[in-house]
Amino acid sequence: MAKESAVWNEGLVDLFCELAMKEVDNDNRPHTHFNPEGWANIINFKGHARFFI
């Protein structure tokens, strides 16, 4: 079975970076990793991604 690969265009990369920085600013990365709330917010970014797909 072939593995699927994600396709990241420049807009999605920028969006992901902005979301990650927002979670850092919101203290959802207490040490070196995002906490569960931070990851949940990043994973659920699909609502914002519709502008880039």
Protein backbone atom coordinates (compact mmCIF):
# COMPACT_ATOMS: atom_id res chain seq x y z
CA MET A 1 0.00 0.00 0.00
CA ALA A 2 1.43 3.36 -1.02
CA LYS A 3 1.77 6.10 1.56
CA GLU A 4 0.07 9.40 0.92
CA SER A 5 2.14 12.54 1.11
CA ALA A 6 0.93 15.92 2.21
CA VAL A 7 1.12 18.71 -0.33
CA TRP A 8 2.15 21.97 1.29
CA ASN A 9 2.07 25.12 -0.78
CA GLU A 10 3.64 28.36 0.40
CA GLY A 11 0.37 29.68 1.82
CA LEU A 12 -0.19 26.59 3.96
CA VAL A 13 3.36 26.66 5.29
CA ASP A 14 2.92 30.32 6.25
CA LEU A 15 -0.43 29.54 7.88
CA PHE A 16 1.03 26.64 9.87
CA CYS A 17 3.90 28.82 11.10
CA GLU A 18 1.51 31.60 12.12
CA LEU A 19 -0.70 29.12 14.00
CA ALA A 20 2.31 27.62 15.76
CA MET A 21 3.56 31.07 16.79
CA LYS A 22 0.08 31.94 18.07
CA GLU A 23 0.09 28.84 20.26
CA VAL A 24 3.50 29.78 21.65
CA ASP A 25 2.19 33.28 22.42
CA ASN A 26 -0.86 31.70 24.12
CA ASP A 27 1.44 29.69 26.41
CA ASN A 28 0.42 26.37 24.85
CA ARG A 29 4.07 25.34 24.58
CA PRO A 30 5.25 25.34 28.18
CA HIS A 31 8.64 23.76 27.44
CA THR A 32 9.93 22.31 24.17
CA HIS A 33 6.67 20.75 22.94
CA PHE A 34 3.09 21.91 22.49
CA ASN A 35 0.67 20.82 25.18
CA PRO A 36 -2.52 18.92 24.21
CA GLU A 37 -4.50 22.14 23.83
CA GLY A 38 -1.86 23.66 21.57
CA TRP A 39 -1.74 20.57 19.34
CA ALA A 40 -5.54 20.46 19.18
CA ASN A 41 -5.63 24.08 18.02
CA ILE A 42 -2.97 23.43 15.37
CA ILE A 43 -4.62 20.23 14.14
CA ASN A 44 -7.97 22.02 13.76
CA PHE A 45 -6.58 24.73 11.49
CA LYS A 46 -8.60 23.39 8.54
CA GLY A 47 -11.14 26.18 8.89
CA HIS A 48 -8.41 28.68 8.04
CA ALA A 49 -6.85 26.53 5.31
CA ARG A 50 -9.79 26.81 2.91
CA PHE A 51 -8.33 30.11 1.71
CA PHE A 52 -5.13 28.39 0.57
CA ILE A 53 -6.36 25.13 -0.95
